[in-house]
Amino acid sequence: MPGPAAEITAALSIPTIGIGSGAQCDGQILVLHDLLGLGGPRVPRFVRRYANLAEVIHNAVTAYAGDVQQGRFPASHETYSEE
């Protein structure tokens, strides 16, 4: 049995765009932050994560902070000195 999105799409002569409405629309929206895994832990059912960049970013920032706190960044080859 067709859902509302299918009925609306069939009734209109213009394209319909859905976000969580089902595949019966002419096009789909997936918010970039959701696609990249940059949202929070709660994922709406219409979201498909193609990456978990939140974890990657967290790990990178944690490593950077640790390097700064331990004096490992910046190293001499990562600075400009007056000569």
PDB file of N, CA and C in Angstrom:
ATOM      1  N   MET A   1       0.833  -1.175   0.000  1.00  0.00           N
ATOM      2  CA  MET A   1       0.000   0.000   0.000  1.00  0.00           C
ATOM      3  C   MET A   1       0.881   1.243   0.000  1.00  0.00           C
ATOM      4  N   PRO A   2       0.694   2.139  -0.956  1.00  0.00           N
ATOM      5  CA  PRO A   2       1.556   3.316  -1.041  1.00  0.00           C
ATOM      6  C   PRO A   2       1.328   4.261   0.139  1.00  0.00           C
ATOM      7  N   GLY A   3       2.413   4.861   0.588  1.00  0.00           N
ATOM      8  CA  GLY A   3       2.330   5.820   1.686  1.00  0.00           C
ATOM      9  C   GLY A   3       2.054   7.224   1.179  1.00  0.00           C
ATOM     10  N   PRO A   4       1.998   8.182   2.082  1.00  0.00           N
ATOM     11  CA  PRO A   4       1.705   9.562   1.709  1.00  0.00           C
ATOM     12  C   PRO A   4       2.695  10.141   0.698  1.00  0.00           C
ATOM     13  N   ALA A   5       3.979   9.818   0.835  1.00  0.00           N
ATOM     14  CA  ALA A   5       4.978  10.358  -0.095  1.00  0.00           C
ATOM     15  C   ALA A   5       4.687   9.895  -1.515  1.00  0.00           C
ATOM     16  N   ALA A   6       4.320   8.635  -1.685  1.00  0.00           N
ATOM     17  CA  ALA A   6       4.000   8.112  -3.020  1.00  0.00           C
ATOM     18  C   ALA A   6       2.761   8.795  -3.578  1.00  0.00           C
ATOM     19  N   GLU A   7       1.760   9.002  -2.742  1.00  0.00           N
ATOM     20  CA  GLU A   7       0.529   9.645  -3.193  1.00  0.00           C
ATOM     21  C   GLU A   7       0.782  11.093  -3.599  1.00  0.00           C
ATOM     22  N   ILE A   8       1.546  11.812  -2.800  1.00  0.00           N
ATOM     23  CA  ILE A   8       1.850  13.214  -3.107  1.00  0.00           C
ATOM     24  C   ILE A   8       2.680  13.306  -4.369  1.00  0.00           C
ATOM     25  N   THR A   9       3.693  12.448  -4.504  1.00  0.00           N
ATOM     26  CA  THR A   9       4.551  12.455  -5.697  1.00  0.00           C
ATOM     27  C   THR A   9       3.734  12.163  -6.948  1.00  0.00           C
ATOM     28  N   ALA A  10       2.819  11.210  -6.868  1.00  0.00           N
ATOM     29  CA  ALA A  10       1.974  10.864  -8.020  1.00  0.00           C
ATOM     30  C   ALA A  10       1.025  11.997  -8.380  1.00  0.00           C
ATOM     31  N   ALA A  11       0.591  12.765  -7.395  1.00  0.00           N
ATOM     32  CA  ALA A  11      -0.394  13.825  -7.638  1.00  0.00           C
ATOM     33  C   ALA A  11       0.227  15.104  -8.180  1.00  0.00           C
ATOM     34  N   LEU A  12       1.515  15.279  -8.002  1.00  0.00           N
ATOM     35  CA  LEU A  12       2.164  16.534  -8.403  1.00  0.00           C
ATOM     36  C   LEU A  12       2.914  16.381  -9.717  1.00  0.00           C
ATOM     37  N   SER A  13       2.994  17.484 -10.451  1.00  0.00           N
ATOM     38  CA  SER A  13       3.772  17.478 -11.690  1.00  0.00           C
ATOM     39  C   SER A  13       5.173  18.047 -11.466  1.00  0.00           C
ATOM     40  N   ILE A  14       5.452  18.449 -10.236  1.00  0.00           N
ATOM     41  CA  ILE A  14       6.779  18.954  -9.891  1.00  0.00           C
ATOM     42  C   ILE A  14       7.494  17.908  -9.033  1.00  0.00           C
ATOM     43  N   PRO A  15       8.821  17.931  -9.003  1.00  0.00           N
ATOM     44  CA  PRO A  15       9.551  16.940  -8.207  1.00  0.00           C
ATOM     45  C   PRO A  15       9.276  17.094  -6.710  1.00  0.00           C
ATOM     46  N   THR A  16       9.246  15.981  -6.004  1.00  0.00           N
ATOM     47  CA  THR A  16       9.159  15.992  -4.547  1.00  0.00           C
ATOM     48  C   THR A  16      10.498  15.550  -3.978  1.00  0.00           C
ATOM     49  N   ILE A  17      10.881  16.198  -2.897  1.00  0.00           N
ATOM     50  CA  ILE A  17      12.151  15.905  -2.248  1.00  0.00           C
ATOM     51  C   ILE A  17      11.829  15.462  -0.828  1.00  0.00           C
ATOM     52  N   GLY A  18      12.383  14.337  -0.400  1.00  0.00           N
ATOM     53  CA  GLY A  18      12.093  13.814   0.920  1.00  0.00           C
ATOM     54  C   GLY A  18      13.293  13.782   1.823  1.00  0.00           C
ATOM     55  N   ILE A  19      13.002  13.852   3.118  1.00  0.00           N
ATOM     56  CA  ILE A  19      14.006  13.607   4.147  1.00  0.00           C
ATOM     57  C   ILE A  19      13.318  12.732   5.186  1.00  0.00           C
ATOM     58  N   GLY A  20      13.492  11.440   5.043  1.00  0.00           N
ATOM     59  CA  GLY A  20      12.829  10.495   5.911  1.00  0.00           C
ATOM     60  C   GLY A  20      11.425  10.121   5.456  1.00  0.00           C
ATOM     61  N   SER A  21      11.067  10.493   4.231  1.00  0.00           N
ATOM     62  CA  SER A  21       9.715  10.227   3.726  1.00  0.00           C
ATOM     63  C   SER A  21       9.601   8.915   2.969  1.00  0.00           C
ATOM     64  N   GLY A  22      10.705   8.277   2.703  1.00  0.00           N
ATOM     65  CA  GLY A  22      10.701   7.035   1.936  1.00  0.00           C
ATOM     66  C   GLY A  22      11.231   7.248   0.539  1.00  0.00           C
ATOM     67  N   ALA A  23      11.410   6.154  -0.162  1.00  0.00           N
ATOM     68  CA  ALA A  23      12.031   6.183  -1.487  1.00  0.00           C
ATOM     69  C   ALA A  23      11.072   6.588  -2.598  1.00  0.00           C
ATOM     70  N   GLN A  24       9.827   6.868  -2.270  1.00  0.00           N
ATOM     71  CA  GLN A  24       8.853   7.190  -3.303  1.00  0.00           C
ATOM     72  C   GLN A  24       8.952   8.633  -3.790  1.00  0.00           C
ATOM     73  N   CYS A  25       9.738   9.455  -3.135  1.00  0.00           N
ATOM     74  CA  CYS A  25       9.945  10.830  -3.590  1.00  0.00           C
ATOM     75  C   CYS A  25      10.899  10.824  -4.785  1.00  0.00           C
ATOM     76  N   ASP A  26      10.924  11.943  -5.500  1.00  0.00           N
ATOM     77  CA  ASP A  26      11.804  12.051  -6.669  1.00  0.00           C
ATOM     78  C   ASP A  26      13.265  12.262  -6.287  1.00  0.00           C
ATOM     79  N   GLY A  27      13.506  12.797  -5.111  1.00  0.00           N
ATOM     80  CA  GLY A  27      14.868  13.040  -4.650  1.00  0.00           C
ATOM     81  C   GLY A  27      14.948  12.887  -3.148  1.00  0.00           C
ATOM     82  N   GLN A  28      16.163  12.834  -2.628  1.00  0.00           N
ATOM     83  CA  GLN A  28      16.382  12.641  -1.203  1.00  0.00           C
ATOM     84  C   GLN A  28      17.373  13.666  -0.681  1.00  0.00           C
ATOM     85  N   ILE A  29      17.176  14.047   0.559  1.00  0.00           N
ATOM     86  CA  ILE A  29      18.117  14.917   1.263  1.00  0.00           C
ATOM     87  C   ILE A  29      18.718  14.105   2.400  1.00  0.00           C
ATOM     88  N   LEU A  30      20.018  14.181   2.534  1.00  0.00           N
ATOM     89  CA  LEU A  30      20.700  13.637   3.696  1.00  0.00           C
ATOM     90  C   LEU A  30      21.672  14.725   4.143  1.00  0.00           C
ATOM     91  N   VAL A  31      21.471  15.248   5.335  1.00  0.00           N
ATOM     92  CA  VAL A  31      22.288  16.337   5.855  1.00  0.00           C
ATOM     93  C   VAL A  31      23.741  15.881   5.935  1.00  0.00           C
ATOM     94  N   LEU A  32      24.637  16.724   5.458  1.00  0.00           N
ATOM     95  CA  LEU A  32      26.055  16.371   5.379  1.00  0.00           C
ATOM     96  C   LEU A  32      26.620  15.937   6.737  1.00  0.00           C
ATOM     97  N   HIS A  33      26.260  16.633   7.804  1.00  0.00           N
ATOM     98  CA  HIS A  33      26.763  16.257   9.131  1.00  0.00           C
ATOM     99  C   HIS A  33      26.308  14.855   9.519  1.00  0.00           C
ATOM    100  N   ASP A  34      25.099  14.484   9.127  1.00  0.00           N
ATOM    101  CA  ASP A  34      24.613  13.132   9.406  1.00  0.00           C
ATOM    102  C   ASP A  34      25.368  12.108   8.563  1.00  0.00           C
ATOM    103  N   LEU A  35      25.550  12.402   7.295  1.00  0.00           N
ATOM    104  CA  LEU A  35      26.250  11.508   6.367  1.00  0.00           C
ATOM    105  C   LEU A  35      27.677  11.230   6.838  1.00  0.00           C
ATOM    106  N   LEU A  36      28.332  12.272   7.365  1.00  0.00           N
ATOM    107  CA  LEU A  36      29.733  12.147   7.781  1.00  0.00           C
ATOM    108  C   LEU A  36      29.898  11.675   9.218  1.00  0.00           C
ATOM    109  N   GLY A  37      28.795  11.468   9.938  1.00  0.00           N
ATOM    110  CA  GLY A  37      28.893  11.019  11.327  1.00  0.00           C
ATOM    111  C   GLY A  37      29.353  12.102  12.265  1.00  0.00           C
ATOM    112  N   LEU A  38      28.937  13.345  12.008  1.00  0.00           N
ATOM    113  CA  LEU A  38      29.328  14.457  12.869  1.00  0.00           C
ATOM    114  C   LEU A  38      28.233  14.840  13.851  1.00  0.00           C
ATOM    115  N   GLY A  39      27.116  14.133  13.823  1.00  0.00           N
ATOM    116  CA  GLY A  39      26.021  14.415  14.742  1.00  0.00           C
ATOM    117  C   GLY A  39      26.245  13.748  16.082  1.00  0.00           C
ATOM    118  N   GLY A  40      25.225  13.791  16.890  1.00  0.00           N
ATOM    119  CA  GLY A  40      25.308  13.187  18.210  1.00  0.00           C
ATOM    120  C   GLY A  40      25.100  11.685  18.160  1.00  0.00           C
ATOM    121  N   PRO A  41      25.009  11.089  19.336  1.00  0.00           N
ATOM    122  CA  PRO A  41      24.871   9.632  19.396  1.00  0.00           C
ATOM    123  C   PRO A  41      23.506   9.132  18.907  1.00  0.00           C
ATOM    124  N   ARG A  42      22.465   9.965  19.009  1.00  0.00           N
ATOM    125  CA  ARG A  42      21.135   9.554  18.550  1.00  0.00           C
ATOM    126  C   ARG A  42      21.044   9.774  17.046  1.00  0.00           C
ATOM    127  N   VAL A  43      20.803   8.715  16.329  1.00  0.00           N
ATOM    128  CA  VAL A  43      20.743   8.775  14.868  1.00  0.00           C
ATOM    129  C   VAL A  43      19.308   8.494  14.420  1.00  0.00           C
ATOM    130  N   PRO A  44      18.668   9.468  13.762  1.00  0.00           N
ATOM    131  CA  PRO A  44      17.314   9.207  13.255  1.00  0.00           C
ATOM    132  C   PRO A  44      17.319   8.038  12.276  1.00  0.00           C
ATOM    133  N   ARG A  45      16.220   7.340  12.167  1.00  0.00           N
ATOM    134  CA  ARG A  45      16.178   6.133  11.339  1.00  0.00           C
ATOM    135  C   ARG A  45      16.383   6.420   9.856  1.00  0.00           C
ATOM    136  N   PHE A  46      16.143   7.661   9.409  1.00  0.00           N
ATOM    137  CA  PHE A  46      16.323   7.979   7.994  1.00  0.00           C
ATOM    138  C   PHE A  46      17.756   8.359   7.642  1.00  0.00           C
ATOM    139  N   VAL A  47      18.650   8.310   8.629  1.00  0.00           N
ATOM    140  CA  VAL A  47      20.052   8.672   8.400  1.00  0.00           C
ATOM    141  C   VAL A  47      20.868   7.419   8.137  1.00  0.00           C
ATOM    142  N   ARG A  48      21.702   7.487   7.138  1.00  0.00           N
ATOM    143  CA  ARG A  48      22.715   6.456   6.906  1.00  0.00           C
ATOM    144  C   ARG A  48      24.063   7.133   7.029  1.00  0.00           C
ATOM    145  N   ARG A  49      24.836   6.701   7.999  1.00  0.00           N
ATOM    146  CA  ARG A  49      26.174   7.265   8.186  1.00  0.00           C
ATOM    147  C   ARG A  49      27.148   6.534   7.274  1.00  0.00           C
ATOM    148  N   TYR A  50      27.876   7.322   6.505  1.00  0.00           N
ATOM    149  CA  TYR A  50      28.880   6.766   5.608  1.00  0.00           C
ATOM    150  C   TYR A  50      30.281   6.869   6.192  1.00  0.00           C
ATOM    151  N   ALA A  51      30.412   7.570   7.318  1.00  0.00           N
ATOM    152  CA  ALA A  51      31.700   7.711   7.999  1.00  0.00           C
ATOM    153  C   ALA A  51      31.423   8.028   9.462  1.00  0.00           C
ATOM    154  N   ASN A  52      32.439   7.922  10.295  1.00  0.00           N
ATOM    155  CA  ASN A  52      32.342   8.335  11.688  1.00  0.00           C
ATOM    156  C   ASN A  52      33.432   9.364  11.936  1.00  0.00           C
ATOM    157  N   LEU A  53      33.261  10.533  11.314  1.00  0.00           N
ATOM    158  CA  LEU A  53      34.295  11.557  11.423  1.00  0.00           C
ATOM    159  C   LEU A  53      34.329  12.206  12.793  1.00  0.00           C
ATOM    160  N   ALA A  54      33.255  12.120  13.557  1.00  0.00           N
ATOM    161  CA  ALA A  54      33.284  12.660  14.916  1.00  0.00           C
ATOM    162  C   ALA A  54      34.374  11.967  15.724  1.00  0.00           C
ATOM    163  N   GLU A  55      34.485  10.658  15.572  1.00  0.00           N
ATOM    164  CA  GLU A  55      35.526   9.913  16.278  1.00  0.00           C
ATOM    165  C   GLU A  55      36.916  10.289  15.759  1.00  0.00           C
ATOM    166  N   VAL A  56      37.049  10.422  14.458  1.00  0.00           N
ATOM    167  CA  VAL A  56      38.334  10.798  13.857  1.00  0.00           C
ATOM    168  C   VAL A  56      38.764  12.177  14.349  1.00  0.00           C
ATOM    169  N   ILE A  57      37.821  13.130  14.349  1.00  0.00           N
ATOM    170  CA  ILE A  57      38.129  14.494  14.797  1.00  0.00           C
ATOM    171  C   ILE A  57      38.485  14.494  16.285  1.00  0.00           C
ATOM    172  N   HIS A  58      37.719  13.773  17.088  1.00  0.00           N
ATOM    173  CA  HIS A  58      38.009  13.685  18.522  1.00  0.00           C
ATOM    174  C   HIS A  58      39.420  13.145  18.758  1.00  0.00           C
ATOM    175  N   ASN A  59      39.775  12.078  18.063  1.00  0.00           N
ATOM    176  CA  ASN A  59      41.106  11.489  18.225  1.00  0.00           C
ATOM    177  C   ASN A  59      42.199  12.448  17.787  1.00  0.00           C
ATOM    178  N   ALA A  60      41.982  13.180  16.694  1.00  0.00           N
ATOM    179  CA  ALA A  60      42.984  14.124  16.209  1.00  0.00           C
ATOM    180  C   ALA A  60      43.179  15.276  17.191  1.00  0.00           C
ATOM    181  N   VAL A  61      42.085  15.833  17.705  1.00  0.00           N
ATOM    182  CA  VAL A  61      42.180  16.946  18.651  1.00  0.00           C
ATOM    183  C   VAL A  61      42.818  16.488  19.963  1.00  0.00           C
ATOM    184  N   THR A  62      42.479  15.302  20.414  1.00  0.00           N
ATOM    185  CA  THR A  62      43.078  14.754  21.633  1.00  0.00           C
ATOM    186  C   THR A  62      44.586  14.564  21.457  1.00  0.00           C
ATOM    187  N   ALA A  63      45.002  14.035  20.308  1.00  0.00           N
ATOM    188  CA  ALA A  63      46.432  13.834  20.042  1.00  0.00           C
ATOM    189  C   ALA A  63      47.164  15.176  19.974  1.00  0.00           C
ATOM    190  N   TYR A  64      46.548  16.164  19.303  1.00  0.00           N
ATOM    191  CA  TYR A  64      47.137  17.502  19.212  1.00  0.00           C
ATOM    192  C   TYR A  64      47.311  18.106  20.608  1.00  0.00           C
ATOM    193  N   ALA A  65      46.252  18.053  21.421  1.00  0.00           N
ATOM    194  CA  ALA A  65      46.319  18.625  22.770  1.00  0.00           C
ATOM    195  C   ALA A  65      47.414  17.946  23.587  1.00  0.00           C
ATOM    196  N   GLY A  66      47.502  16.636  23.473  1.00  0.00           N
ATOM    197  CA  GLY A  66      48.546  15.910  24.197  1.00  0.00           C
ATOM    198  C   GLY A  66      49.943  16.316  23.752  1.00  0.00           C
ATOM    199  N   ASP A  67      50.136  16.466  22.443  1.00  0.00           N
ATOM    200  CA  ASP A  67      51.444  16.885  21.928  1.00  0.00           C
ATOM    201  C   ASP A  67      51.818  18.280  22.419  1.00  0.00           C
ATOM    202  N   VAL A  68      50.854  19.193  22.448  1.00  0.00           N
ATOM    203  CA  VAL A  68      51.123  20.552  22.933  1.00  0.00           C
ATOM    204  C   VAL A  68      51.449  20.508  24.428  1.00  0.00           C
ATOM    205  N   GLN A  69      50.654  19.802  25.206  1.00  0.00           N
ATOM    206  CA  GLN A  69      50.860  19.739  26.656  1.00  0.00           C
ATOM    207  C   GLN A  69      52.190  19.086  27.020  1.00  0.00           C
ATOM    208  N   GLN A  70      52.631  18.120  26.223  1.00  0.00           N
ATOM    209  CA  GLN A  70      53.895  17.429  26.492  1.00  0.00           C
ATOM    210  C   GLN A  70      55.092  18.107  25.834  1.00  0.00           C
ATOM    211  N   GLY A  71      54.863  19.204  25.123  1.00  0.00           N
ATOM    212  CA  GLY A  71      55.951  19.933  24.473  1.00  0.00           C
ATOM    213  C   GLY A  71      56.460  19.277  23.201  1.00  0.00           C
ATOM    214  N   ARG A  72      55.701  18.356  22.628  1.00  0.00           N
ATOM    215  CA  ARG A  72      56.116  17.686  21.390  1.00  0.00           C
ATOM    216  C   ARG A  72      55.702  18.462  20.148  1.00  0.00           C
ATOM    217  N   PHE A  73      54.810  19.431  20.307  1.00  0.00           N
ATOM    218  CA  PHE A  73      54.381  20.282  19.192  1.00  0.00           C
ATOM    219  C   PHE A  73      54.381  21.711  19.675  1.00  0.00           C
ATOM    220  N   PRO A  74      54.962  22.602  18.912  1.00  0.00           N
ATOM    221  CA  PRO A  74      55.626  22.381  17.635  1.00  0.00           C
ATOM    222  C   PRO A  74      57.081  21.972  17.819  1.00  0.00           C
ATOM    223  N   ALA A  75      57.538  21.167  16.902  1.00  0.00           N
ATOM    224  CA  ALA A  75      58.954  20.799  16.870  1.00  0.00           C
ATOM    225  C   ALA A  75      59.709  21.888  16.108  1.00  0.00           C
ATOM    226  N   SER A  76      61.018  21.847  16.164  1.00  0.00           N
ATOM    227  CA  SER A  76      61.815  22.889  15.526  1.00  0.00           C
ATOM    228  C   SER A  76      61.581  22.968  14.034  1.00  0.00           C
ATOM    229  N   HIS A  77      61.331  21.830  13.369  1.00  0.00           N
ATOM    230  CA  HIS A  77      61.097  21.871  11.930  1.00  0.00           C
ATOM    231  C   HIS A  77      59.697  22.370  11.564  1.00  0.00           C
ATOM    232  N   GLU A  78      58.889  22.645  12.580  1.00  0.00           N
ATOM    233  CA  GLU A  78      57.520  23.145  12.346  1.00  0.00           C
ATOM    234  C   GLU A  78      57.384  24.621  12.742  1.00  0.00           C
ATOM    235  N   THR A  79      58.513  25.298  12.884  1.00  0.00           N
ATOM    236  CA  THR A  79      58.500  26.716  13.247  1.00  0.00           C
ATOM    237  C   THR A  79      59.421  27.494  12.322  1.00  0.00           C
ATOM    238  N   TYR A  80      59.188  28.787  12.273  1.00  0.00           N
ATOM    239  CA  TYR A  80      60.075  29.696  11.544  1.00  0.00           C
ATOM    240  C   TYR A  80      60.908  30.426  12.566  1.00  0.00           C
ATOM    241  N   SER A  81      62.200  30.476  12.323  1.00  0.00           N
ATOM    242  CA  SER A  81      63.068  31.214  13.239  1.00  0.00           C
ATOM    243  C   SER A  81      63.762  32.322  12.465  1.00  0.00           C
ATOM    244  N   GLU A  82      64.076  33.371  13.167  1.00  0.00           N
ATOM    245  CA  GLU A  82      64.808  34.472  12.520  1.00  0.00           C
ATOM    246  C   GLU A  82      66.263  34.065  12.397  1.00  0.00           C
ATOM    247  N   GLU A  83      66.774  34.256  11.226  1.00  0.00           N
ATOM    248  CA  GLU A  83      68.167  33.866  10.993  1.00  0.00           C
ATOM    249  C   GLU A  83      69.016  35.040  10.693  1.00  0.00           C
TER     250      GLU A  83
END
